């Protein structure tokens, strides 16, 4: 394997002055475009801890001092497969659909000419309900199920939009999974500011990716399947929502993508990060060209 086939991503966590203890971070997952090769940490020691609902392993990192902690991910540009657990429905407040949303998703699917068209119709219906943004209050905050969104536009991030899409697709009986990772815009020369997420559907052997948020950021509402409608490259590090780490007393964590500080009471806090991609694999370059 040549160096041209390797993508390296570093995530540097800046030290905090408050009494944060350890960090929790994902370790990378395979996709049809990448296979994880290694995960390492400098500036601290780490052990692995299990997530019980999906079987994922995460890194529990203890910083060694007041210096930054750097996580290094290495991926081969060789085809893997999305983890099977990604498509396995689990009932949490982030994936449970309210009754009206179930009825609407099934109606959209029944009106489509076939099941592949039904998936695309649900994706585009979801896109019509949102405008891209990062609201302080989420449309599902405080609720036990994802509500149906009717007329008008709701502000939402990639996380918020894909939460609705997963609930809608699964309500209509389709396999769908939620992937988290990092997207590096072409114009930023290997840098990004935070995590990104996208949705994967699977039906009759056809695996398709959907990125509504990037279409909306580009002013487009005609949502097509495929990665990188916005030019760039991405890596996947984890999947699914409503995660449990019982050894850490963490239950129903919305997601894991960026490393987060553990507060010691089963809660997490956002870390200050620097995220870089060093070299782009040949497969990532193919993704970019295809997008």
Protein backbone atom coordinates (compact mmCIF):
# COMPACT_ATOMS: atom_id res chain seq x y z
CA UNK A 1 0.00 0.00 0.00
CA UNK A 2 1.48 3.34 -1.05
CA UNK A 3 1.41 6.58 0.92
CA UNK A 4 -1.02 7.93 -1.67
CA UNK A 5 -3.59 5.41 -0.42
CA UNK A 6 -3.45 6.64 3.18
CA UNK A 7 -5.46 9.45 4.74
CA UNK A 8 -4.36 10.77 8.13
CA UNK A 9 -6.62 12.94 10.27
CA UNK A 10 -5.41 14.65 13.45
CA UNK A 11 -7.76 16.09 16.07
CA UNK A 12 -5.97 18.28 18.62
CA UNK A 13 -7.78 18.96 21.90
CA UNK A 14 -6.76 22.12 23.69
CA UNK A 15 -6.31 21.91 27.48
CA UNK A 16 -9.00 23.38 29.71
CA UNK A 17 -8.48 25.37 32.88
CA UNK A 18 -11.58 23.97 34.55
CA UNK A 19 -11.56 20.60 36.28
CA UNK A 20 -12.18 18.34 33.32
CA UNK A 21 -11.07 14.79 33.73
CA UNK A 22 -10.93 12.40 30.79
CA UNK A 23 -11.87 12.56 27.14
CA UNK A 24 -14.18 10.21 25.26
CA UNK A 25 -13.51 9.84 21.53
CA UNK A 26 -14.54 7.53 18.65
CA UNK A 27 -11.88 5.40 17.01
CA UNK A 28 -13.08 5.20 13.38
CA UNK A 29 -15.34 2.88 11.37
CA UNK A 30 -15.14 1.24 7.93
CA UNK A 31 -17.21 2.47 4.99
CA UNK A 32 -17.30 1.57 1.28
CA UNK A 33 -14.59 4.23 0.85
CA UNK A 34 -12.23 3.69 3.78
CA UNK A 35 -10.83 1.10 6.17
CA UNK A 36 -9.40 2.23 9.52
CA UNK A 37 -5.74 1.33 9.92
CA UNK A 38 -4.80 2.79 13.27
CA UNK A 39 -5.78 5.13 16.08
CA UNK A 40 -3.24 6.68 18.42
CA UNK A 41 -3.00 9.39 21.06
CA UNK A 42 -0.17 11.72 22.02
CA UNK A 43 -0.25 13.87 25.13
CA UNK A 44 -2.15 11.24 27.10
CA UNK A 45 -2.83 7.56 27.69
CA UNK A 46 -5.94 5.77 26.50
CA UNK A 47 -7.89 2.58 26.99
CA UNK A 48 -10.91 1.25 25.10
CA UNK A 49 -14.44 1.28 26.43
CA UNK A 50 -17.46 -0.44 24.89
CA UNK A 51 -20.75 1.05 23.71
CA UNK A 52 -23.35 -1.57 24.47
CA UNK A 53 -26.11 -0.87 21.93
CA UNK A 54 -23.99 -0.97 18.77
CA UNK A 55 -20.80 -2.78 19.79
CA UNK A 56 -18.61 0.21 18.94
CA UNK A 57 -15.43 0.83 20.87
CA UNK A 58 -14.43 4.30 21.98
CA UNK A 59 -11.24 5.66 23.47
CA UNK A 60 -11.15 6.82 27.07
CA UNK A 61 -8.25 9.28 27.18
CA UNK A 62 -6.48 10.64 30.26
CA UNK A 63 -4.34 13.71 29.43
CA UNK A 64 -0.81 13.51 30.79
CA UNK A 65 -0.49 17.18 31.66
CA UNK A 66 -1.45 20.69 30.60
CA UNK A 67 -0.37 20.23 26.97
CA UNK A 68 -2.75 19.56 24.07
CA UNK A 69 -3.87 16.01 23.37
CA UNK A 70 -3.68 14.89 19.73
CA UNK A 71 -5.71 12.02 18.29
CA UNK A 72 -4.38 10.53 15.05
CA UNK A 73 -6.57 8.47 12.72
CA UNK A 74 -5.12 6.63 9.72
CA UNK A 75 -7.41 5.28 6.99
CA UNK A 76 -6.66 3.19 3.93
CA UNK A 77 -8.44 4.18 0.73
CA UNK A 78 -9.72 0.65 0.26
CA UNK A 79 -13.36 -0.37 0.22
CA UNK A 80 -14.90 -1.70 3.39
CA UNK A 81 -18.54 -1.96 4.45
CA UNK A 82 -20.71 0.11 6.75
CA UNK A 83 -21.09 -1.74 10.07
CA UNK A 84 -24.21 -3.89 10.12
CA UNK A 85 -25.19 -2.39 13.49
CA UNK A 86 -25.58 0.98 11.77
CA UNK A 87 -28.78 -0.27 10.08
CA UNK A 88 -30.22 -1.98 13.15
CA UNK A 89 -33.19 0.01 14.55
CA UNK A 90 -33.04 0.79 18.25
CA UNK A 91 -35.69 2.74 20.09
CA UNK A 92 -34.42 5.91 21.78
CA UNK A 93 -35.87 9.38 22.01
CA UNK A 94 -33.58 10.34 19.11
CA UNK A 95 -34.94 7.63 16.80
CA UNK A 96 -38.55 7.11 17.95
CA UNK A 97 -41.04 8.76 15.58
CA UNK A 98 -44.25 10.38 16.76
CA UNK A 99 -47.45 8.80 15.39
CA UNK A 100 -48.13 11.64 12.95
CA UNK A 101 -44.61 11.39 11.51
CA UNK A 102 -45.07 7.64 11.04
CA UNK A 103 -48.35 8.19 9.17
CA UNK A 104 -46.87 10.89 6.93
CA UNK A 105 -43.73 8.89 6.05
CA UNK A 106 -45.83 5.85 5.14
CA UNK A 107 -48.13 7.99 3.01
CA UNK A 108 -45.18 9.39 1.06
CA UNK A 109 -43.80 5.88 0.51
CA UNK A 110 -47.17 4.52 -0.65
CA UNK A 111 -47.55 7.33 -3.20
CA UNK A 112 -44.14 6.64 -4.80
CA UNK A 113 -43.80 4.51 -7.94
CA UNK A 114 -41.44 2.04 -6.24
CA UNK A 115 -39.45 1.63 -3.05
CA UNK A 116 -36.28 3.30 -4.35
CA UNK A 117 -38.37 6.29 -5.41
CA UNK A 118 -40.02 6.24 -1.98
CA UNK A 119 -36.65 6.65 -0.24
CA UNK A 120 -35.79 9.62 -2.45
CA UNK A 121 -39.24 11.13 -1.88
CA UNK A 122 -38.85 10.94 1.91
CA UNK A 123 -35.38 12.50 1.66
CA UNK A 124 -36.68 15.39 -0.44
CA UNK A 125 -39.74 15.85 1.76
CA UNK A 126 -37.41 16.16 4.75
CA UNK A 127 -35.31 18.76 2.92
CA UNK A 128 -38.43 20.85 2.26
CA UNK A 129 -39.03 21.15 6.00
CA UNK A 130 -35.67 22.68 6.95
CA UNK A 131 -33.46 25.69 6.60
CA UNK A 132 -29.84 25.15 7.59
CA UNK A 133 -28.66 26.63 10.87
CA UNK A 134 -27.65 25.95 14.47
CA UNK A 135 -30.58 26.90 16.71
CA UNK A 136 -30.08 27.05 20.46
CA UNK A 137 -33.31 25.11 20.95
CA UNK A 138 -33.89 21.96 18.88
CA UNK A 139 -37.33 21.06 17.56
CA UNK A 140 -37.16 17.76 19.49
CA UNK A 141 -35.82 19.11 22.80
CA UNK A 142 -37.75 17.81 25.78
CA UNK A 143 -39.73 15.30 23.72
CA UNK A 144 -39.75 11.51 23.90
CA UNK A 145 -40.22 11.12 20.13
CA UNK A 146 -39.29 12.99 16.95
CA UNK A 147 -42.31 15.17 16.11
CA UNK A 148 -43.89 15.57 12.70
CA UNK A 149 -43.00 18.90 11.10
CA UNK A 150 -45.80 20.39 9.06
CA UNK A 151 -45.94 23.63 7.10
CA UNK A 152 -43.18 26.18 7.31
CA UNK A 153 -39.43 25.85 7.69
CA UNK A 154 -37.60 24.64 10.79
CA UNK A 155 -34.02 25.70 11.43
CA UNK A 156 -31.71 22.75 11.94
CA UNK A 157 -28.11 21.56 11.71
CA UNK A 158 -26.95 18.41 9.96
CA UNK A 159 -27.63 16.55 13.22
CA UNK A 160 -31.18 17.90 13.48
CA UNK A 161 -32.04 17.27 9.83
CA UNK A 162 -30.68 13.74 9.82
CA UNK A 163 -32.47 12.92 13.08
CA UNK A 164 -35.75 13.64 11.31
CA UNK A 165 -34.72 11.78 8.16
CA UNK A 166 -33.72 8.61 10.03
CA UNK A 167 -37.02 8.60 11.92
CA UNK A 168 -38.99 9.10 8.69
CA UNK A 169 -37.17 6.44 6.68
CA UNK A 170 -37.45 3.84 9.41
CA UNK A 171 -41.13 4.70 9.93
CA UNK A 172 -41.72 3.76 6.29
CA UNK A 173 -39.95 0.44 6.79
CA UNK A 174 -36.59 1.29 5.19
CA UNK A 175 -33.15 0.46 6.51
CA UNK A 176 -31.26 3.62 7.33
CA UNK A 177 -28.23 4.53 9.40
CA UNK A 178 -26.63 7.66 10.84
CA UNK A 179 -22.91 8.26 10.30
CA UNK A 180 -20.71 10.81 12.06
CA UNK A 181 -17.28 12.04 11.04
CA UNK A 182 -15.45 15.01 9.58
CA UNK A 183 -15.90 16.84 6.29
CA UNK A 184 -13.00 18.87 4.90
CA UNK A 185 -14.19 21.51 2.39
CA UNK A 186 -11.99 21.76 -0.69
CA UNK A 187 -11.40 25.48 -0.12
CA UNK A 188 -10.05 24.99 3.42
CA UNK A 189 -6.94 23.02 2.40
CA UNK A 190 -7.36 20.12 4.83
CA UNK A 191 -8.95 21.95 7.76
CA UNK A 192 -12.42 21.83 9.26
CA UNK A 193 -14.09 23.31 12.31
CA UNK A 194 -16.28 20.56 13.70
CA UNK A 195 -17.99 17.24 13.06
CA UNK A 196 -20.40 16.41 10.26
CA UNK A 197 -22.99 13.67 9.78
CA UNK A 198 -24.88 12.02 6.94
CA UNK A 199 -27.45 9.28 6.37
CA UNK A 200 -27.07 5.93 4.63
CA UNK A 201 -30.04 4.01 3.25
CA UNK A 202 -30.02 0.36 2.18
CA UNK A 203 -32.66 -1.41 0.10
CA UNK A 204 -32.44 -4.50 -2.11
CA UNK A 205 -28.66 -4.39 -1.83
CA UNK A 206 -28.39 -0.74 -2.91
CA UNK A 207 -26.52 1.38 -0.36
CA UNK A 208 -26.97 5.13 -0.89
CA UNK A 209 -25.65 8.14 1.03
CA UNK A 210 -27.64 11.33 1.60
CA UNK A 211 -26.35 14.74 2.72
CA UNK A 212 -29.30 17.16 2.89
CA UNK A 213 -27.42 19.75 4.94
CA UNK A 214 -24.75 20.30 2.29
CA UNK A 215 -27.36 20.68 -0.43
CA UNK A 216 -29.16 23.31 1.66
CA UNK A 217 -25.91 25.16 2.40
CA UNK A 218 -25.39 25.37 -1.36
CA UNK A 219 -28.91 26.72 -1.90
CA UNK A 220 -30.19 23.47 -3.42
CA UNK A 221 -33.37 21.61 -2.47
CA UNK A 222 -33.20 18.96 -5.20
CA UNK A 223 -31.49 16.32 -3.08
CA UNK A 224 -29.52 13.66 -4.92
CA UNK A 225 -27.85 10.62 -3.39
CA UNK A 226 -24.08 10.59 -3.12
CA UNK A 227 -21.36 12.14 -1.00
CA UNK A 228 -19.84 15.58 -1.37
CA UNK A 229 -22.34 17.67 -3.34
CA UNK A 230 -20.19 20.37 -1.78
CA UNK A 231 -16.60 19.71 -2.97
CA UNK A 232 -14.36 18.21 -0.33
CA UNK A 233 -13.42 14.97 1.39
CA UNK A 234 -14.69 13.17 4.47
CA UNK A 235 -13.91 10.42 6.93
CA UNK A 236 -16.30 8.47 9.16
CA UNK A 237 -15.49 7.86 12.82
CA UNK A 238 -18.70 6.53 14.44
CA UNK A 239 -22.39 5.82 13.89
CA UNK A 240 -25.88 5.76 15.42
CA UNK A 241 -27.68 7.81 18.08
CA UNK A 242 -28.69 7.20 21.67
CA UNK A 243 -25.47 5.53 22.82
CA UNK A 244 -24.76 3.82 26.15
CA UNK A 245 -21.40 3.61 27.92
CA UNK A 246 -22.40 1.99 31.22
CA UNK A 247 -18.84 1.84 32.55
CA UNK A 248 -18.84 5.64 32.37
CA UNK A 249 -22.43 6.03 33.63
CA UNK A 250 -23.37 7.52 30.25
CA UNK A 251 -26.80 6.59 28.95
CA UNK A 252 -28.62 7.70 25.78
CA UNK A 253 -25.77 9.94 24.57
CA UNK A 254 -27.09 11.62 21.44
CA UNK A 255 -24.00 10.84 19.35
CA UNK A 256 -20.24 10.57 19.38
CA UNK A 257 -18.06 12.23 16.74
CA UNK A 258 -15.68 14.80 18.19
CA UNK A 259 -13.78 14.00 21.39
CA UNK A 260 -15.68 15.35 24.41
CA UNK A 261 -14.77 15.98 28.02
CA UNK A 262 -16.34 13.78 30.69
CA UNK A 263 -17.66 15.76 33.64
CA UNK A 264 -17.89 12.82 36.03
CA UNK A 265 -21.69 12.89 36.39
CA UNK A 266 -22.59 11.00 33.22
CA UNK A 267 -22.53 14.20 31.17
CA UNK A 268 -20.17 15.48 28.49
CA UNK A 269 -18.86 18.90 27.52
CA UNK A 270 -17.61 20.19 24.18
CA UNK A 271 -13.84 20.44 23.73
CA UNK A 272 -11.84 23.09 21.86
CA UNK A 273 -10.48 21.35 18.77
CA UNK A 274 -8.14 21.72 15.82
CA UNK A 275 -8.98 19.27 13.01
CA UNK A 276 -6.69 18.57 10.06
CA UNK A 277 -6.48 16.11 7.19
CA UNK A 278 -2.95 15.25 6.08
CA UNK A 279 -2.98 13.77 2.62
CA UNK A 280 -6.03 12.56 0.75
CA UNK A 281 -6.31 8.95 -0.29
CA UNK A 282 -6.96 7.98 -3.88
CA UNK A 283 -10.44 6.77 -2.88
CA UNK A 284 -11.22 10.07 -1.20
CA UNK A 285 -10.14 11.78 -4.39
CA UNK A 286 -12.57 9.54 -6.28
CA UNK A 287 -15.33 10.56 -3.86
CA UNK A 288 -14.53 14.20 -4.54
CA UNK A 289 -14.63 13.73 -8.30
CA UNK A 290 -17.88 11.79 -8.09
CA UNK A 291 -19.48 14.42 -5.87
